[in-house]
Amino acid sequence: MPDQAKSDDLIQAPEPGVPVAARRSRAPTRDTRVSGQPGFVLHSYPYKETSLIVDMFTRDFGRVGVVAKGAKRPLSKLRGVLQTFQPLSVSFSGKLELRTLIDAEWVGGMLPLEKTALLCGFYLNELLVKLLARDDKHPALFDHYVSTLNQLAHGEPPPIVLRKFERALLKETGVAADLGRSITTRAAVEPGRDYVVDPEKGAREAVPADVWPVVLGKTLLDMEREDYGDPVTQAQSKQLMRFLLAHHLGGAPLNTRQILIDLMQL
């Protein structure tokens, strides 16, 4: 199992030319200083000899990029603080897409992720890095992220926890398909009928020629109300979310997803 210090091996920034949402950004237009912002490290990589570039998920500013100057120095205060899945209070300034990290303090109050839960955490971070535009506020998603980390740390079933987060992520970014009503008939989805989901439009009745994942209407309705108690719903929602995420990622691979598939078939 990986440790938190090796997250860079699992999460990679989007490659040039890959049409994913994370390549968009809303750069700040004025020089601002932000103090005491709740945040988490999503991903970091070396910058020059002693510094790091850190992708952070903050509650009120969304995903932001910061330069942590001198963070690699042995005596730097930031060296032991900028770890994934640790709740932080961060301060930064700047008017460009890449800001300067002024300070970061560990807040505490959360159990550490271990074993499979740790891999699931890396998966959440990779989704956020690749699907969230920088400087796009998502306070509700931030709260959901914190809740998801807590659920994983307390041993909640990973498949159910991950499905709920994946769905919340697509909703918050405005690309979630409507699962409760047919786009062809405008009628409510019927529990006993087979459907496919158009990633851009929503659910419709399945036909023999469909190559998209076919799921029961009950599965779609269960997903809408976040009820994953039915084993059939768990299995079908896994395939459906894998398909929808692949579409919105534009074919960009998820490194942690493949590891999870190999280990647990999540």
Protein backbone atom coordinates (compact mmCIF):
# COMPACT_ATOMS: atom_id res chain seq x y z
CA MET A 1 0.00 0.00 0.00
CA PRO A 2 1.25 3.52 -0.74
CA ASP A 3 1.88 6.10 1.96
CA GLN A 4 0.85 9.72 1.79
CA ALA A 5 4.31 10.89 0.81
CA LYS A 6 4.05 8.98 -2.46
CA SER A 7 0.85 10.58 -3.73
CA ASP A 8 2.75 12.19 -6.63
CA ASP A 9 3.28 8.71 -8.07
CA LEU A 10 -0.47 8.17 -8.23
CA ILE A 11 -1.85 11.57 -9.18
CA GLN A 12 -0.57 13.22 -12.30
CA ALA A 13 -1.60 16.59 -13.68
CA PRO A 14 -3.56 16.55 -16.97
CA GLU A 15 -1.37 16.11 -20.00
CA PRO A 16 -1.27 18.93 -22.57
CA GLY A 17 -4.07 18.52 -25.07
CA VAL A 18 -6.25 16.37 -22.84
CA PRO A 19 -9.78 17.87 -22.90
CA VAL A 20 -10.61 17.68 -19.20
CA ALA A 21 -12.25 20.32 -17.05
CA ALA A 22 -9.15 20.77 -14.92
CA ARG A 23 -7.37 22.54 -17.81
CA ARG A 24 -9.82 25.45 -17.51
CA SER A 25 -9.23 28.11 -14.89
CA ARG A 26 -10.63 31.36 -13.67
CA ALA A 27 -7.51 33.31 -12.77
CA PRO A 28 -7.95 36.03 -10.14
CA THR A 29 -8.07 39.52 -11.61
CA ARG A 30 -6.64 41.38 -8.61
CA ASP A 31 -3.93 40.83 -6.06
CA THR A 32 -5.54 39.26 -3.02
CA ARG A 33 -4.38 37.93 0.29
CA VAL A 34 -6.35 35.08 1.83
CA SER A 35 -5.83 34.12 5.47
CA GLY A 36 -6.95 31.11 7.49
CA GLN A 37 -8.67 29.30 4.65
CA PRO A 38 -9.68 25.65 5.30
CA GLY A 39 -7.91 23.46 2.78
CA PHE A 40 -6.33 20.14 1.83
CA VAL A 41 -3.32 19.22 -0.29
CA LEU A 42 -4.43 17.35 -3.40
CA HIS A 43 -1.10 17.00 -5.17
CA SER A 44 2.38 18.50 -5.08
CA TYR A 45 5.55 18.33 -7.13
CA PRO A 46 9.05 19.83 -6.91
CA TYR A 47 9.71 23.37 -8.08
CA LYS A 48 13.29 24.50 -8.49
CA GLU A 49 15.69 23.22 -5.83
CA THR A 50 13.90 23.88 -2.57
CA SER A 51 10.26 24.64 -3.34
CA LEU A 52 7.03 22.86 -4.21
CA ILE A 53 4.05 23.61 -6.40
CA VAL A 54 0.98 22.49 -4.50
CA ASP A 55 -2.52 21.88 -5.80
CA MET A 56 -4.88 22.65 -2.92
CA PHE A 57 -8.63 22.23 -2.46
CA THR A 58 -9.99 25.11 -0.37
CA ARG A 59 -13.49 25.62 0.91
CA ASP A 60 -14.14 29.13 -0.38
CA PHE A 61 -11.78 29.38 -3.36
CA GLY A 62 -11.97 25.90 -4.84
CA ARG A 63 -8.89 24.30 -6.34
CA VAL A 64 -5.94 26.67 -6.21
CA GLY A 65 -2.29 26.33 -7.17
CA VAL A 66 0.33 27.76 -4.83
CA VAL A 67 4.12 27.92 -4.70
CA ALA A 68 5.44 26.77 -1.33
CA LYS A 69 8.82 28.48 -1.27
CA GLY A 70 11.54 26.61 0.60
CA ALA A 71 9.17 23.78 1.56
CA LYS A 72 11.78 21.13 0.69
CA ARG A 73 14.39 22.55 3.05
CA PRO A 74 15.04 20.27 6.07
CA LEU A 75 14.13 22.95 8.62
CA SER A 76 11.12 24.35 6.78
CA LYS A 77 7.92 24.51 8.83
CA LEU A 78 5.96 23.59 5.71
CA ARG A 79 7.91 20.39 5.08
CA GLY A 80 5.91 18.30 7.54
CA VAL A 81 2.63 20.16 7.16
CA LEU A 82 1.90 19.87 3.44
CA GLN A 83 0.63 16.30 3.54
CA THR A 84 -2.43 14.87 1.83
CA PHE A 85 -5.64 14.24 3.81
CA GLN A 86 -4.55 16.54 6.63
CA PRO A 87 -6.99 19.40 7.39
CA LEU A 88 -5.09 22.67 7.10
CA SER A 89 -5.57 26.37 7.63
CA VAL A 90 -3.76 28.04 4.74
CA SER A 91 -2.87 31.61 3.81
CA PHE A 92 -1.80 32.68 0.33
CA SER A 93 -1.55 35.74 -1.87
CA GLY A 94 -1.23 36.69 -5.52
CA LYS A 95 -3.24 37.66 -8.58
CA LEU A 96 -2.02 35.02 -11.02
CA GLU A 97 -3.25 31.46 -11.44
CA LEU A 98 -0.30 30.30 -9.33
CA ARG A 99 -0.32 32.06 -5.95
CA THR A 100 2.32 32.20 -3.20
CA LEU A 101 1.73 30.16 -0.06
CA ILE A 102 2.32 32.34 2.99
CA ASP A 103 1.51 29.89 5.77
CA ALA A 104 -0.08 26.52 6.44
CA GLU A 105 -1.06 25.09 9.81
CA TRP A 106 -2.34 21.65 10.70
CA VAL A 107 -5.85 21.84 12.16
CA GLY A 108 -6.36 18.22 13.21
CA GLY A 109 -9.58 16.52 14.19
CA MET A 110 -9.57 13.76 11.55
CA LEU A 111 -8.46 10.15 11.72
CA PRO A 112 -5.67 9.18 9.30
CA LEU A 113 -6.48 7.08 6.26
CA GLU A 114 -4.93 3.64 6.18
CA LYS A 115 -4.62 0.73 3.74
CA THR A 116 -7.51 0.63 1.25
CA ALA A 117 -9.02 3.84 2.62
CA LEU A 118 -5.75 5.61 1.81
CA LEU A 119 -5.91 4.48 -1.81
CA CYS A 120 -9.51 5.64 -1.98
CA GLY A 121 -8.36 9.02 -0.74
CA PHE A 122 -5.79 9.24 -3.53
CA TYR A 123 -8.58 8.39 -5.98
CA LEU A 124 -10.73 11.27 -4.67
CA ASN A 125 -7.78 13.65 -5.04
CA GLU A 126 -7.08 12.54 -8.58
CA LEU A 127 -10.72 13.11 -9.55
CA LEU A 128 -10.61 16.62 -8.10
CA VAL A 129 -7.32 17.49 -9.83
CA LYS A 130 -8.56 16.29 -13.21
CA LEU A 131 -12.19 17.41 -13.12
CA LEU A 132 -12.21 20.69 -11.17
CA ALA A 133 -11.29 23.95 -12.85
CA ARG A 134 -8.95 26.10 -10.81
CA ASP A 135 -10.44 29.03 -8.91
CA ASP A 136 -13.97 27.67 -9.26
CA LYS A 137 -15.71 27.74 -5.87
CA HIS A 138 -17.36 24.55 -4.62
CA PRO A 139 -18.00 24.90 -0.87
CA ALA A 140 -20.65 22.15 -0.83
CA LEU A 141 -18.26 19.77 -2.59
CA PHE A 142 -15.51 20.68 -0.12
CA ASP A 143 -17.81 19.72 2.75
CA HIS A 144 -18.69 16.49 0.95
CA TYR A 145 -14.97 15.76 0.52
CA VAL A 146 -14.37 16.18 4.26
CA SER A 147 -17.35 13.95 5.03
CA THR A 148 -16.10 11.33 2.57
CA LEU A 149 -12.62 11.26 4.13
CA ASN A 150 -14.20 10.81 7.55
CA GLN A 151 -16.40 7.98 6.31
CA LEU A 152 -13.42 6.19 4.78
CA ALA A 153 -11.36 6.68 7.95
CA HIS A 154 -14.17 5.17 10.05
CA GLY A 155 -14.44 2.06 7.90
CA GLU A 156 -17.56 2.81 5.86
CA PRO A 157 -17.86 0.55 2.75
CA PRO A 158 -15.59 2.13 0.10
CA PRO A 159 -17.76 1.22 -2.94
CA ILE A 160 -20.77 3.05 -1.51
CA VAL A 161 -18.74 6.01 -0.23
CA LEU A 162 -17.00 6.45 -3.60
CA ARG A 163 -20.22 6.24 -5.64
CA LYS A 164 -21.79 8.99 -3.56
CA PHE A 165 -18.75 11.23 -3.97
CA GLU A 166 -18.49 10.60 -7.73
CA ARG A 167 -22.12 11.56 -8.19
CA ALA A 168 -21.72 14.67 -5.99
CA LEU A 169 -18.67 15.72 -8.00
CA LEU A 170 -20.54 15.53 -11.31
CA LYS A 171 -23.48 17.45 -9.84
CA GLU A 172 -21.27 20.19 -8.41
CA THR A 173 -19.41 20.65 -11.70
CA GLY A 174 -22.68 20.86 -13.62
CA VAL A 175 -22.26 17.77 -15.78
CA ALA A 176 -24.42 15.25 -13.91
CA ALA A 177 -26.98 13.59 -16.16
CA ASP A 178 -30.62 13.44 -15.04
CA LEU A 179 -31.23 9.90 -13.81
CA GLY A 180 -34.84 10.25 -12.74
CA ARG A 181 -36.61 11.00 -16.01
CA SER A 182 -36.40 9.68 -19.58
CA ILE A 183 -35.08 12.20 -22.10
CA THR A 184 -37.13 10.56 -24.86
CA THR A 185 -40.57 10.29 -23.20
CA ARG A 186 -40.11 12.84 -20.35
CA ALA A 187 -41.79 10.24 -18.13
CA ALA A 188 -40.38 9.18 -14.78
CA VAL A 189 -37.91 6.30 -14.92
CA GLU A 190 -39.61 2.95 -14.35
CA PRO A 191 -37.85 0.67 -11.81
CA GLY A 192 -38.26 -2.54 -13.83
CA ARG A 193 -37.20 -1.16 -17.21
CA ASP A 194 -33.72 -1.13 -18.78
CA TYR A 195 -32.02 2.20 -19.46
CA VAL A 196 -28.79 3.71 -20.72
CA VAL A 197 -27.47 7.13 -19.74
CA ASP A 198 -26.31 9.69 -22.29
CA PRO A 199 -23.48 11.53 -20.46
CA GLU A 200 -24.57 14.87 -21.92
CA LYS A 201 -28.35 14.51 -21.74
CA GLY A 202 -29.58 11.88 -19.29
CA ALA A 203 -31.36 8.55 -19.12
CA ARG A 204 -33.28 6.95 -21.96
CA GLU A 205 -34.82 3.56 -22.63
CA ALA A 206 -32.29 0.95 -23.74
CA VAL A 207 -32.42 -0.56 -27.23
CA PRO A 208 -30.70 -3.74 -28.52
CA ALA A 209 -28.05 -1.75 -30.43
CA ASP A 210 -26.80 0.12 -27.34
CA VAL A 211 -23.13 -0.26 -26.43
CA TRP A 212 -23.36 1.94 -23.33
CA PRO A 213 -23.88 0.25 -19.94
CA VAL A 214 -27.46 -0.96 -19.53
CA VAL A 215 -28.89 -0.51 -16.04
CA LEU A 216 -32.24 -1.01 -14.38
CA GLY A 217 -34.45 1.95 -13.71
CA LYS A 218 -34.32 0.96 -10.04
CA THR A 219 -30.55 1.49 -10.09
CA LEU A 220 -30.98 5.01 -11.43
CA LEU A 221 -33.63 5.84 -8.86
CA ASP A 222 -31.49 4.38 -6.08
CA MET A 223 -28.57 6.55 -7.20
CA GLU A 224 -30.76 9.64 -7.19
CA ARG A 225 -31.68 9.04 -3.54
CA GLU A 226 -28.20 7.74 -2.59
CA ASP A 227 -29.49 4.30 -1.63
CA TYR A 228 -26.83 1.70 -2.44
CA GLY A 229 -28.09 -1.12 -0.24
CA ASP A 230 -29.10 -3.34 -3.18
CA PRO A 231 -26.15 -5.43 -4.50
CA VAL A 232 -27.50 -4.99 -8.04
CA THR A 233 -27.47 -1.22 -7.60
CA GLN A 234 -23.90 -1.40 -6.32
CA ALA A 235 -22.71 -3.43 -9.31
CA GLN A 236 -24.57 -1.44 -11.96
CA SER A 237 -23.75 1.97 -10.50
CA LYS A 238 -20.05 1.07 -10.50
CA GLN A 239 -20.12 0.35 -14.24
CA LEU A 240 -22.26 3.41 -14.97
CA MET A 241 -20.06 5.82 -13.01
CA ARG A 242 -16.93 4.42 -14.61
CA PHE A 243 -18.49 5.12 -18.02
CA LEU A 244 -19.66 8.64 -17.14
CA LEU A 245 -16.35 9.65 -15.57
CA ALA A 246 -14.40 8.34 -18.56
CA HIS A 247 -16.53 10.52 -20.82
CA HIS A 248 -16.03 13.69 -18.78
CA LEU A 249 -12.31 12.99 -18.42
CA GLY A 250 -12.00 12.90 -22.20
CA GLY A 251 -10.18 9.58 -22.09
CA ALA A 252 -7.55 10.69 -19.56
CA PRO A 253 -6.65 7.65 -17.44
CA LEU A 254 -7.15 7.51 -13.69
CA ASN A 255 -4.08 5.89 -12.17
CA THR A 256 -5.64 5.23 -8.78
CA ARG A 257 -8.83 3.83 -10.33
CA GLN A 258 -6.85 1.07 -12.01
CA ILE A 259 -5.06 0.22 -8.77
CA LEU A 260 -8.38 0.03 -6.93
CA ILE A 261 -9.87 -2.15 -9.66
CA ASP A 262 -6.92 -4.52 -9.38
CA LEU A 263 -7.19 -4.70 -5.60
CA MET A 264 -10.89 -4.59 -4.82
CA GLN A 265 -12.93 -4.28 -8.00
CA LEU A 266 -14.34 -0.98 -6.69
